[in-house]
């Protein structure tokens, strides 16, 4: 995948709702499903012309100035957007919907569902907005045992059903923010605009995984933890070997999920010890190999895998 602005390779793969703008900006819209939509042919724009797509480029020739908008847009479109069918469909008509509630909860993961359940017990009218088309956040694909909760996916499924009976839930809905006179949102299919009226606003968005910064991090083999669990559990993807970078609770649980599927799993971190206190003892039990106290100093796609150069925190490469 290439950047539509600069033509450079983009490697990170992310199948979460907030990544859709990232894909669409590159001419790829639906990469995350059983039938992904990808450009019909490879980018054919030469490296010389890709410079025209840069917003900082500006011509000094009067002739080029007059033709500049046409040239720049042509190059940008040719980089990735090869067919109108590869971009999302925009509906002809958009509906406006007013939503009145006591409490508006942004995020339908563990925190959002828990807040909605407790507020429902107090008799308050609550509305949950969730960008995904499902509830549960990261736990929906987490089959590890979570302390005091049990299996993550089973717990969040029960909690979601409990909350759904007393709470209005808008999945596939994005909270856009605040205007001068209203708080607004929209549906992901762009068919609805929401205007929210509430007494209290609760933000429970949890966290987002972002690309790790290191030399060579443009590889297309770098995937967010939630995405790799969706790939393996929903769409049957079975990588031969996976390195999970990050040893906090979520990072270790991602590694545990992969190891339970029989995937050769490694866990790395630049911290001196595994950071997760809750699951540290599970790593060896599941046969997860570790690279703790390491930094990634180089990465190359070798064709049959990703070749990394690691350097320990004392400066020794391996």
C-alpha atoms as a PDB file:
ATOM      1  CA  UNK A   1       0.000   0.000   0.000  1.00  0.00           C
ATOM      2  CA  UNK A   2       1.273   3.455  -0.909  1.00  0.00           C
ATOM      3  CA  UNK A   3       0.567   6.885   0.486  1.00  0.00           C
ATOM      4  CA  UNK A   4      -1.694   8.861  -1.854  1.00  0.00           C
ATOM      5  CA  UNK A   5       0.148  12.021  -0.861  1.00  0.00           C
ATOM      6  CA  UNK A   6       3.744  10.959  -1.303  1.00  0.00           C
ATOM      7  CA  UNK A   7       3.621   7.571  -3.009  1.00  0.00           C
ATOM      8  CA  UNK A   8       5.663   5.975  -0.231  1.00  0.00           C
ATOM      9  CA  UNK A   9       4.960   2.510   1.060  1.00  0.00           C
ATOM     10  CA  UNK A  10       2.724   2.278   4.122  1.00  0.00           C
ATOM     11  CA  UNK A  11       2.994  -0.944   6.022  1.00  0.00           C
ATOM     12  CA  UNK A  12       0.840  -0.993   9.149  1.00  0.00           C
ATOM     13  CA  UNK A  13      -2.318  -3.122   8.886  1.00  0.00           C
ATOM     14  CA  UNK A  14      -5.198  -2.068  11.115  1.00  0.00           C
ATOM     15  CA  UNK A  15      -8.766  -3.413  11.092  1.00  0.00           C
ATOM     16  CA  UNK A  16     -10.497  -1.031  13.463  1.00  0.00           C
ATOM     17  CA  UNK A  17     -13.130   1.576  12.650  1.00  0.00           C
ATOM     18  CA  UNK A  18     -10.809   4.546  13.139  1.00  0.00           C
ATOM     19  CA  UNK A  19      -8.440   3.152  10.499  1.00  0.00           C
ATOM     20  CA  UNK A  20     -10.998   3.516   7.701  1.00  0.00           C
ATOM     21  CA  UNK A  21      -9.894   7.062   6.925  1.00  0.00           C
ATOM     22  CA  UNK A  22      -6.338   5.801   6.750  1.00  0.00           C
ATOM     23  CA  UNK A  23      -7.252   3.132   4.216  1.00  0.00           C
ATOM     24  CA  UNK A  24      -9.488   5.423   2.177  1.00  0.00           C
ATOM     25  CA  UNK A  25      -6.786   8.092   1.974  1.00  0.00           C
ATOM     26  CA  UNK A  26      -4.615   5.502   0.266  1.00  0.00           C
ATOM     27  CA  UNK A  27      -7.238   4.260  -2.167  1.00  0.00           C
ATOM     28  CA  UNK A  28      -7.914   1.069  -0.219  1.00  0.00           C
ATOM     29  CA  UNK A  29     -11.290   1.083   1.447  1.00  0.00           C
ATOM     30  CA  UNK A  30     -12.327  -2.313   2.777  1.00  0.00           C
ATOM     31  CA  UNK A  31      -9.219  -4.377   3.535  1.00  0.00           C
ATOM     32  CA  UNK A  32     -10.675  -6.004   6.618  1.00  0.00           C
ATOM     33  CA  UNK A  33     -13.148  -8.720   5.790  1.00  0.00           C
ATOM     34  CA  UNK A  34     -13.617 -12.003   4.002  1.00  0.00           C
ATOM     35  CA  UNK A  35     -13.630 -10.220   0.628  1.00  0.00           C
ATOM     36  CA  UNK A  36     -11.318  -7.187   0.877  1.00  0.00           C
ATOM     37  CA  UNK A  37     -11.521  -4.499  -1.795  1.00  0.00           C
ATOM     38  CA  UNK A  38      -8.095  -3.551  -3.118  1.00  0.00           C
ATOM     39  CA  UNK A  39      -6.883  -1.542  -6.131  1.00  0.00           C
ATOM     40  CA  UNK A  40      -7.301  -3.451  -9.392  1.00  0.00           C
ATOM     41  CA  UNK A  41      -3.753  -2.836 -10.582  1.00  0.00           C
ATOM     42  CA  UNK A  42      -0.407  -1.804  -9.198  1.00  0.00           C
ATOM     43  CA  UNK A  43       0.602   1.832  -8.975  1.00  0.00           C
ATOM     44  CA  UNK A  44       2.089   2.931 -12.299  1.00  0.00           C
ATOM     45  CA  UNK A  45       3.206   6.452 -11.408  1.00  0.00           C
ATOM     46  CA  UNK A  46       6.945   6.965 -11.780  1.00  0.00           C
ATOM     47  CA  UNK A  47       8.977   8.133  -8.798  1.00  0.00           C
ATOM     48  CA  UNK A  48       9.715  11.447 -10.549  1.00  0.00           C
ATOM     49  CA  UNK A  49       6.042  12.324 -10.805  1.00  0.00           C
ATOM     50  CA  UNK A  50       5.288  11.358  -7.220  1.00  0.00           C
ATOM     51  CA  UNK A  51       6.911  14.590  -6.102  1.00  0.00           C
ATOM     52  CA  UNK A  52       4.001  16.455  -7.676  1.00  0.00           C
ATOM     53  CA  UNK A  53       1.719  14.918  -5.065  1.00  0.00           C
ATOM     54  CA  UNK A  54       3.563  16.584  -2.201  1.00  0.00           C
ATOM     55  CA  UNK A  55       1.657  19.547  -0.737  1.00  0.00           C
ATOM     56  CA  UNK A  56       4.954  21.414  -0.257  1.00  0.00           C
ATOM     57  CA  UNK A  57       5.769  21.290  -3.974  1.00  0.00           C
ATOM     58  CA  UNK A  58       4.927  24.463  -5.890  1.00  0.00           C
ATOM     59  CA  UNK A  59       5.973  25.448  -9.431  1.00  0.00           C
ATOM     60  CA  UNK A  60       7.499  28.759 -10.453  1.00  0.00           C
ATOM     61  CA  UNK A  61       6.685  28.480 -14.152  1.00  0.00           C
ATOM     62  CA  UNK A  62       3.522  30.365 -15.169  1.00  0.00           C
ATOM     63  CA  UNK A  63       2.510  27.518 -17.453  1.00  0.00           C
ATOM     64  CA  UNK A  64       2.905  24.964 -14.685  1.00  0.00           C
ATOM     65  CA  UNK A  65       1.041  27.224 -12.266  1.00  0.00           C
ATOM     66  CA  UNK A  66      -1.968  27.277 -14.577  1.00  0.00           C
ATOM     67  CA  UNK A  67      -1.886  23.499 -14.977  1.00  0.00           C
ATOM     68  CA  UNK A  68      -0.916  22.747 -11.381  1.00  0.00           C
ATOM     69  CA  UNK A  69      -4.303  21.654  -9.955  1.00  0.00           C
ATOM     70  CA  UNK A  70      -4.847  19.259 -12.853  1.00  0.00           C
ATOM     71  CA  UNK A  71      -1.327  17.770 -12.613  1.00  0.00           C
ATOM     72  CA  UNK A  72      -1.379  17.354  -8.854  1.00  0.00           C
ATOM     73  CA  UNK A  73      -4.822  15.770  -8.695  1.00  0.00           C
ATOM     74  CA  UNK A  74      -4.010  13.459 -11.596  1.00  0.00           C
ATOM     75  CA  UNK A  75      -0.885  12.199  -9.877  1.00  0.00           C
ATOM     76  CA  UNK A  76      -2.593  11.779  -6.516  1.00  0.00           C
ATOM     77  CA  UNK A  77      -5.480   9.881  -8.035  1.00  0.00           C
ATOM     78  CA  UNK A  78      -3.174   7.651 -10.082  1.00  0.00           C
ATOM     79  CA  UNK A  79      -1.163   6.681  -7.011  1.00  0.00           C
ATOM     80  CA  UNK A  80      -3.946   4.582  -5.585  1.00  0.00           C
ATOM     81  CA  UNK A  81      -7.508   5.538  -6.460  1.00  0.00           C
ATOM     82  CA  UNK A  82      -7.817   3.554  -9.672  1.00  0.00           C
ATOM     83  CA  UNK A  83     -11.564   3.052  -9.762  1.00  0.00           C
ATOM     84  CA  UNK A  84     -14.573   4.785  -8.244  1.00  0.00           C
ATOM     85  CA  UNK A  85     -15.784   1.325  -7.222  1.00  0.00           C
ATOM     86  CA  UNK A  86     -12.852   1.028  -4.842  1.00  0.00           C
ATOM     87  CA  UNK A  87     -14.071   3.926  -2.689  1.00  0.00           C
ATOM     88  CA  UNK A  88     -17.034   3.911  -0.271  1.00  0.00           C
ATOM     89  CA  UNK A  89     -20.503   4.622  -1.621  1.00  0.00           C
ATOM     90  CA  UNK A  90     -22.017   7.890  -0.442  1.00  0.00           C
ATOM     91  CA  UNK A  91     -25.829   7.780   0.007  1.00  0.00           C
ATOM     92  CA  UNK A  92     -28.006  10.184  -1.910  1.00  0.00           C
ATOM     93  CA  UNK A  93     -29.939  11.187   1.201  1.00  0.00           C
ATOM     94  CA  UNK A  94     -28.809  11.703   4.789  1.00  0.00           C
ATOM     95  CA  UNK A  95     -31.203  11.603   7.756  1.00  0.00           C
ATOM     96  CA  UNK A  96     -30.905  13.836  10.798  1.00  0.00           C
ATOM     97  CA  UNK A  97     -31.693  12.131  14.108  1.00  0.00           C
ATOM     98  CA  UNK A  98     -31.995  13.865  17.475  1.00  0.00           C
ATOM     99  CA  UNK A  99     -30.924  11.767  20.467  1.00  0.00           C
ATOM    100  CA  UNK A 100     -32.050  12.868  23.956  1.00  0.00           C
ATOM    101  CA  UNK A 101     -30.605  11.150  27.012  1.00  0.00           C
ATOM    102  CA  UNK A 102     -29.464  11.673  30.581  1.00  0.00           C
ATOM    103  CA  UNK A 103     -25.993  10.229  29.946  1.00  0.00           C
ATOM    104  CA  UNK A 104     -24.136   9.839  26.648  1.00  0.00           C
ATOM    105  CA  UNK A 105     -21.377   7.199  26.792  1.00  0.00           C
ATOM    106  CA  UNK A 106     -18.683   7.244  24.097  1.00  0.00           C
ATOM    107  CA  UNK A 107     -17.293   3.737  23.658  1.00  0.00           C
ATOM    108  CA  UNK A 108     -18.911   0.321  23.945  1.00  0.00           C
ATOM    109  CA  UNK A 109     -16.024  -1.690  25.375  1.00  0.00           C
ATOM    110  CA  UNK A 110     -15.587  -2.996  28.912  1.00  0.00           C
ATOM    111  CA  UNK A 111     -15.569   0.467  30.515  1.00  0.00           C
ATOM    112  CA  UNK A 112     -18.563   1.792  28.574  1.00  0.00           C
ATOM    113  CA  UNK A 113     -20.704  -1.276  29.203  1.00  0.00           C
ATOM    114  CA  UNK A 114     -19.807  -1.306  32.903  1.00  0.00           C
ATOM    115  CA  UNK A 115     -20.736   2.374  33.312  1.00  0.00           C
ATOM    116  CA  UNK A 116     -24.023   1.842  31.450  1.00  0.00           C
ATOM    117  CA  UNK A 117     -24.946  -1.105  33.665  1.00  0.00           C
ATOM    118  CA  UNK A 118     -24.360   0.835  36.890  1.00  0.00           C
ATOM    119  CA  UNK A 119     -26.182   3.950  35.657  1.00  0.00           C
ATOM    120  CA  UNK A 120     -29.090   1.793  34.525  1.00  0.00           C
ATOM    121  CA  UNK A 121     -29.452   0.528  38.090  1.00  0.00           C
ATOM    122  CA  UNK A 122     -29.920   4.156  39.167  1.00  0.00           C
ATOM    123  CA  UNK A 123     -32.736   4.637  36.674  1.00  0.00           C
ATOM    124  CA  UNK A 124     -30.831   6.981  34.364  1.00  0.00           C
ATOM    125  CA  UNK A 125     -31.479   6.959  30.634  1.00  0.00           C
ATOM    126  CA  UNK A 126     -28.235   6.089  28.841  1.00  0.00           C
ATOM    127  CA  UNK A 127     -27.045   5.929  25.238  1.00  0.00           C
ATOM    128  CA  UNK A 128     -23.844   4.192  24.103  1.00  0.00           C
ATOM    129  CA  UNK A 129     -22.038   5.219  20.916  1.00  0.00           C
ATOM    130  CA  UNK A 130     -19.668   2.608  19.479  1.00  0.00           C
ATOM    131  CA  UNK A 131     -17.663   2.964  16.278  1.00  0.00           C
ATOM    132  CA  UNK A 132     -17.494  -0.768  15.600  1.00  0.00           C
ATOM    133  CA  UNK A 133     -20.538  -2.797  14.563  1.00  0.00           C
ATOM    134  CA  UNK A 134     -20.219  -4.868  17.719  1.00  0.00           C
ATOM    135  CA  UNK A 135     -19.839  -4.271  21.457  1.00  0.00           C
ATOM    136  CA  UNK A 136     -16.982  -5.402  23.646  1.00  0.00           C
ATOM    137  CA  UNK A 137     -13.890  -3.658  22.323  1.00  0.00           C
ATOM    138  CA  UNK A 138     -10.695  -5.707  22.504  1.00  0.00           C
ATOM    139  CA  UNK A 139     -12.278  -8.368  24.701  1.00  0.00           C
ATOM    140  CA  UNK A 140     -14.544  -9.597  21.915  1.00  0.00           C
ATOM    141  CA  UNK A 141     -11.612 -11.585  20.450  1.00  0.00           C
ATOM    142  CA  UNK A 142      -9.828 -12.300  23.725  1.00  0.00           C
ATOM    143  CA  UNK A 143     -10.186 -15.953  24.762  1.00  0.00           C
ATOM    144  CA  UNK A 144      -7.644 -15.834  27.592  1.00  0.00           C
ATOM    145  CA  UNK A 145      -8.603 -16.097  31.236  1.00  0.00           C
ATOM    146  CA  UNK A 146      -8.784 -12.621  32.775  1.00  0.00           C
ATOM    147  CA  UNK A 147      -8.351 -12.510  36.518  1.00  0.00           C
ATOM    148  CA  UNK A 148     -11.657 -12.164  38.403  1.00  0.00           C
ATOM    149  CA  UNK A 149     -13.634 -12.100  35.117  1.00  0.00           C
ATOM    150  CA  UNK A 150     -13.083 -15.473  33.461  1.00  0.00           C
ATOM    151  CA  UNK A 151     -12.681 -15.881  29.717  1.00  0.00           C
ATOM    152  CA  UNK A 152     -12.667 -12.395  28.222  1.00  0.00           C
ATOM    153  CA  UNK A 153     -14.906 -13.001  25.194  1.00  0.00           C
ATOM    154  CA  UNK A 154     -17.518 -14.867  27.250  1.00  0.00           C
ATOM    155  CA  UNK A 155     -17.614 -12.227  29.987  1.00  0.00           C
ATOM    156  CA  UNK A 156     -18.018  -9.306  27.581  1.00  0.00           C
ATOM    157  CA  UNK A 157     -20.736 -11.134  25.639  1.00  0.00           C
ATOM    158  CA  UNK A 158     -22.809 -11.606  28.800  1.00  0.00           C
ATOM    159  CA  UNK A 159     -22.249  -8.013  29.877  1.00  0.00           C
ATOM    160  CA  UNK A 160     -23.288  -6.708  26.449  1.00  0.00           C
ATOM    161  CA  UNK A 161     -26.551  -8.675  26.525  1.00  0.00           C
ATOM    162  CA  UNK A 162     -27.298  -7.445  30.035  1.00  0.00           C
ATOM    163  CA  UNK A 163     -26.760  -3.791  29.114  1.00  0.00           C
ATOM    164  CA  UNK A 164     -28.638  -3.985  25.798  1.00  0.00           C
ATOM    165  CA  UNK A 165     -31.946  -4.541  27.576  1.00  0.00           C
ATOM    166  CA  UNK A 166     -31.821  -1.177  29.371  1.00  0.00           C
ATOM    167  CA  UNK A 167     -29.604   1.034  27.184  1.00  0.00           C
ATOM    168  CA  UNK A 168     -29.953   2.543  23.719  1.00  0.00           C
ATOM    169  CA  UNK A 169     -26.934   1.370  21.714  1.00  0.00           C
ATOM    170  CA  UNK A 170     -25.740   2.966  18.482  1.00  0.00           C
ATOM    171  CA  UNK A 171     -23.092   0.747  16.893  1.00  0.00           C
ATOM    172  CA  UNK A 172     -21.324   1.754  13.708  1.00  0.00           C
ATOM    173  CA  UNK A 173     -21.571   5.359  14.900  1.00  0.00           C
ATOM    174  CA  UNK A 174     -18.788   7.941  15.199  1.00  0.00           C
ATOM    175  CA  UNK A 175     -18.861  10.773  17.733  1.00  0.00           C
ATOM    176  CA  UNK A 176     -17.546  13.774  15.793  1.00  0.00           C
ATOM    177  CA  UNK A 177     -17.375  16.261  18.641  1.00  0.00           C
ATOM    178  CA  UNK A 178     -18.772  19.630  19.597  1.00  0.00           C
ATOM    179  CA  UNK A 179     -20.083  22.471  17.465  1.00  0.00           C
ATOM    180  CA  UNK A 180     -21.067  25.884  18.814  1.00  0.00           C
ATOM    181  CA  UNK A 181     -24.641  24.771  19.449  1.00  0.00           C
ATOM    182  CA  UNK A 182     -24.627  20.975  19.390  1.00  0.00           C
ATOM    183  CA  UNK A 183     -22.726  17.723  19.817  1.00  0.00           C
ATOM    184  CA  UNK A 184     -22.879  15.650  16.658  1.00  0.00           C
ATOM    185  CA  UNK A 185     -22.003  12.242  15.247  1.00  0.00           C
ATOM    186  CA  UNK A 186     -22.573  10.196  12.108  1.00  0.00           C
ATOM    187  CA  UNK A 187     -23.112   6.604  11.040  1.00  0.00           C
ATOM    188  CA  UNK A 188     -20.236   4.869   9.298  1.00  0.00           C
ATOM    189  CA  UNK A 189     -22.366   4.317   6.190  1.00  0.00           C
ATOM    190  CA  UNK A 190     -22.854   8.117   6.072  1.00  0.00           C
ATOM    191  CA  UNK A 191     -26.642   7.766   5.951  1.00  0.00           C
ATOM    192  CA  UNK A 192     -27.347   9.386   9.344  1.00  0.00           C
ATOM    193  CA  UNK A 193     -26.304  12.538  11.176  1.00  0.00           C
ATOM    194  CA  UNK A 194     -26.912  12.514  14.927  1.00  0.00           C
ATOM    195  CA  UNK A 195     -27.480  15.540  17.176  1.00  0.00           C
ATOM    196  CA  UNK A 196     -26.964  14.605  20.824  1.00  0.00           C
ATOM    197  CA  UNK A 197     -28.678  16.294  23.765  1.00  0.00           C
ATOM    198  CA  UNK A 198     -27.506  15.054  27.162  1.00  0.00           C
ATOM    199  CA  UNK A 199     -26.933  16.088  30.773  1.00  0.00           C
ATOM    200  CA  UNK A 200     -23.680  14.205  31.251  1.00  0.00           C
ATOM    201  CA  UNK A 201     -21.004  12.930  28.869  1.00  0.00           C
ATOM    202  CA  UNK A 202     -18.805   9.930  29.758  1.00  0.00           C
ATOM    203  CA  UNK A 203     -15.712   9.134  27.662  1.00  0.00           C
ATOM    204  CA  UNK A 204     -14.779   5.434  27.734  1.00  0.00           C
ATOM    205  CA  UNK A 205     -12.802   4.977  24.523  1.00  0.00           C
ATOM    206  CA  UNK A 206     -10.116   2.764  26.048  1.00  0.00           C
ATOM    207  CA  UNK A 207      -6.905   2.752  24.022  1.00  0.00           C
ATOM    208  CA  UNK A 208      -5.687   2.562  20.457  1.00  0.00           C
ATOM    209  CA  UNK A 209      -2.704   0.703  19.107  1.00  0.00           C
ATOM    210  CA  UNK A 210      -0.464   2.780  16.878  1.00  0.00           C
ATOM    211  CA  UNK A 211       2.548   1.855  14.716  1.00  0.00           C
ATOM    212  CA  UNK A 212       5.769   1.331  16.627  1.00  0.00           C
ATOM    213  CA  UNK A 213       8.516   3.717  15.514  1.00  0.00           C
ATOM    214  CA  UNK A 214      11.811   2.089  14.540  1.00  0.00           C
ATOM    215  CA  UNK A 215      14.041   1.937  11.419  1.00  0.00           C
ATOM    216  CA  UNK A 216      12.240  -0.043   8.733  1.00  0.00           C
ATOM    217  CA  UNK A 217       8.818   0.186  10.330  1.00  0.00           C
ATOM    218  CA  UNK A 218       7.186   0.622   6.919  1.00  0.00           C
ATOM    219  CA  UNK A 219       6.941  -3.143   6.492  1.00  0.00           C
ATOM    220  CA  UNK A 220       3.477  -4.446   5.548  1.00  0.00           C
ATOM    221  CA  UNK A 221       3.963  -7.247   8.081  1.00  0.00           C
ATOM    222  CA  UNK A 222       3.365  -4.942  11.055  1.00  0.00           C
ATOM    223  CA  UNK A 223      -0.177  -5.481  12.391  1.00  0.00           C
ATOM    224  CA  UNK A 224      -1.973  -4.156  15.461  1.00  0.00           C
ATOM    225  CA  UNK A 225      -2.717  -6.712  18.172  1.00  0.00           C
ATOM    226  CA  UNK A 226      -6.492  -6.464  17.813  1.00  0.00           C
ATOM    227  CA  UNK A 227      -6.191  -6.855  14.040  1.00  0.00           C
ATOM    228  CA  UNK A 228      -4.065 -10.000  14.181  1.00  0.00           C
ATOM    229  CA  UNK A 229      -6.592 -11.573  16.567  1.00  0.00           C
ATOM    230  CA  UNK A 230      -9.407 -10.713  14.144  1.00  0.00           C
ATOM    231  CA  UNK A 231      -7.396 -12.196  11.279  1.00  0.00           C
ATOM    232  CA  UNK A 232      -6.721 -15.453  13.114  1.00  0.00           C
ATOM    233  CA  UNK A 233     -10.085 -15.952  14.841  1.00  0.00           C
ATOM    234  CA  UNK A 234     -12.577 -14.488  12.393  1.00  0.00           C
ATOM    235  CA  UNK A 235     -10.954 -15.032   8.989  1.00  0.00           C
ATOM    236  CA  UNK A 236      -8.770 -18.097   9.525  1.00  0.00           C
ATOM    237  CA  UNK A 237      -5.367 -16.476   8.981  1.00  0.00           C
ATOM    238  CA  UNK A 238      -2.587 -18.651  10.437  1.00  0.00           C
ATOM    239  CA  UNK A 239       0.863 -17.013  10.428  1.00  0.00           C
ATOM    240  CA  UNK A 240       3.776 -19.364  11.011  1.00  0.00           C
ATOM    241  CA  UNK A 241       5.507 -17.127  13.536  1.00  0.00           C
ATOM    242  CA  UNK A 242       4.539 -13.851  15.257  1.00  0.00           C
ATOM    243  CA  UNK A 243       6.505 -11.394  17.366  1.00  0.00           C
ATOM    244  CA  UNK A 244       4.282  -9.382  19.734  1.00  0.00           C
ATOM    245  CA  UNK A 245       5.999  -6.158  20.790  1.00  0.00           C
ATOM    246  CA  UNK A 246       4.875  -4.814  24.147  1.00  0.00           C
ATOM    247  CA  UNK A 247       4.642  -6.719  27.439  1.00  0.00           C
ATOM    248  CA  UNK A 248       1.848  -4.847  29.214  1.00  0.00           C
ATOM    249  CA  UNK A 249      -1.344  -6.746  30.083  1.00  0.00           C
ATOM    250  CA  UNK A 250      -2.808  -6.417  26.573  1.00  0.00           C
ATOM    251  CA  UNK A 251       0.426  -7.305  24.800  1.00  0.00           C
ATOM    252  CA  UNK A 252       0.831 -10.464  26.879  1.00  0.00           C
ATOM    253  CA  UNK A 253      -2.812 -11.434  26.321  1.00  0.00           C
ATOM    254  CA  UNK A 254      -2.379 -11.047  22.552  1.00  0.00           C
ATOM    255  CA  UNK A 255       0.636 -13.354  22.746  1.00  0.00           C
ATOM    256  CA  UNK A 256      -1.308 -15.813  24.913  1.00  0.00           C
ATOM    257  CA  UNK A 257      -4.203 -15.899  22.424  1.00  0.00           C
ATOM    258  CA  UNK A 258      -1.840 -16.628  19.534  1.00  0.00           C
ATOM    259  CA  UNK A 259       0.051 -19.302  21.459  1.00  0.00           C
ATOM    260  CA  UNK A 260      -3.245 -21.008  22.356  1.00  0.00           C
ATOM    261  CA  UNK A 261      -3.947 -21.268  18.610  1.00  0.00           C
ATOM    262  CA  UNK A 262      -0.684 -23.164  18.130  1.00  0.00           C
ATOM    263  CA  UNK A 263       1.168 -20.245  16.522  1.00  0.00           C
ATOM    264  CA  UNK A 264       4.897 -19.942  17.268  1.00  0.00           C
ATOM    265  CA  UNK A 265       4.803 -16.780  19.388  1.00  0.00           C
ATOM    266  CA  UNK A 266       7.517 -14.433  20.634  1.00  0.00           C
ATOM    267  CA  UNK A 267       7.155 -11.494  23.024  1.00  0.00           C
ATOM    268  CA  UNK A 268       9.470  -8.478  22.945  1.00  0.00           C
ATOM    269  CA  UNK A 269       9.838  -5.236  24.884  1.00  0.00           C
ATOM    270  CA  UNK A 270      12.471  -2.611  25.592  1.00  0.00           C
ATOM    271  CA  UNK A 271      11.698  -2.737  29.309  1.00  0.00           C
ATOM    272  CA  UNK A 272      14.056  -4.578  31.652  1.00  0.00           C
ATOM    273  CA  UNK A 273      11.313  -6.999  32.753  1.00  0.00           C
ATOM    274  CA  UNK A 274       7.934  -8.166  31.483  1.00  0.00           C
ATOM    275  CA  UNK A 275       5.650  -5.340  32.499  1.00  0.00           C
ATOM    276  CA  UNK A 276       2.475  -7.327  33.105  1.00  0.00           C
ATOM    277  CA  UNK A 277       2.203  -8.329  36.749  1.00  0.00           C
ATOM    278  CA  UNK A 278      -1.072 -10.175  36.148  1.00  0.00           C
ATOM    279  CA  UNK A 279       0.097 -12.523  33.398  1.00  0.00           C
ATOM    280  CA  UNK A 280       3.875 -12.725  33.748  1.00  0.00           C
ATOM    281  CA  UNK A 281       3.732 -16.301  35.014  1.00  0.00           C
ATOM    282  CA  UNK A 282       1.604 -17.450  32.045  1.00  0.00           C
ATOM    283  CA  UNK A 283       4.254 -16.755  29.408  1.00  0.00           C
ATOM    284  CA  UNK A 284       6.579 -19.646  30.130  1.00  0.00           C
ATOM    285  CA  UNK A 285       3.656 -22.011  30.684  1.00  0.00           C
ATOM    286  CA  UNK A 286       2.427 -21.402  27.106  1.00  0.00           C
ATOM    287  CA  UNK A 287       5.912 -21.730  25.605  1.00  0.00           C
ATOM    288  CA  UNK A 288       6.118 -18.074  24.523  1.00  0.00           C
ATOM    289  CA  UNK A 289       9.721 -17.078  23.803  1.00  0.00           C
ATOM    290  CA  UNK A 290      10.810 -13.620  24.959  1.00  0.00           C
ATOM    291  CA  UNK A 291      13.109 -10.775  23.852  1.00  0.00           C
ATOM    292  CA  UNK A 292      12.950  -8.549  26.917  1.00  0.00           C
ATOM    293  CA  UNK A 293      15.255  -5.568  27.374  1.00  0.00           C
ATOM    294  CA  UNK A 294      15.631  -5.139  23.598  1.00  0.00           C
ATOM    295  CA  UNK A 295      15.197  -2.333  21.062  1.00  0.00           C
ATOM    296  CA  UNK A 296      14.410  -2.873  17.376  1.00  0.00           C
ATOM    297  CA  UNK A 297      17.158  -1.078  15.451  1.00  0.00           C
ATOM    298  CA  UNK A 298      16.407  -2.348  11.932  1.00  0.00           C
ATOM    299  CA  UNK A 299      13.730  -4.302  10.047  1.00  0.00           C
ATOM    300  CA  UNK A 300      13.635  -5.718   6.527  1.00  0.00           C
ATOM    301  CA  UNK A 301      11.051  -7.797   4.692  1.00  0.00           C
ATOM    302  CA  UNK A 302      13.037 -10.807   3.509  1.00  0.00           C
ATOM    303  CA  UNK A 303      10.234 -12.305   1.418  1.00  0.00           C
ATOM    304  CA  UNK A 304       9.535 -15.278   3.662  1.00  0.00           C
ATOM    305  CA  UNK A 305       9.292 -13.169   6.804  1.00  0.00           C
ATOM    306  CA  UNK A 306      10.405 -10.075   8.634  1.00  0.00           C
ATOM    307  CA  UNK A 307      14.072  -9.963   9.563  1.00  0.00           C
ATOM    308  CA  UNK A 308      14.757  -7.842  12.649  1.00  0.00           C
ATOM    309  CA  UNK A 309      17.949  -6.587  14.226  1.00  0.00           C
ATOM    310  CA  UNK A 310      17.632  -6.197  17.982  1.00  0.00           C
ATOM    311  CA  UNK A 311      19.871  -4.343  20.379  1.00  0.00           C
ATOM    312  CA  UNK A 312      19.709  -4.927  24.106  1.00  0.00           C
ATOM    313  CA  UNK A 313      19.433  -1.997  26.470  1.00  0.00           C
ATOM    314  CA  UNK A 314      23.184  -2.180  27.083  1.00  0.00           C
ATOM    315  CA  UNK A 315      23.904  -1.622  23.395  1.00  0.00           C
ATOM    316  CA  UNK A 316      24.737  -5.165  22.228  1.00  0.00           C
ATOM    317  CA  UNK A 317      23.177  -6.203  18.893  1.00  0.00           C
ATOM    318  CA  UNK A 318      21.806  -9.660  18.151  1.00  0.00           C
END
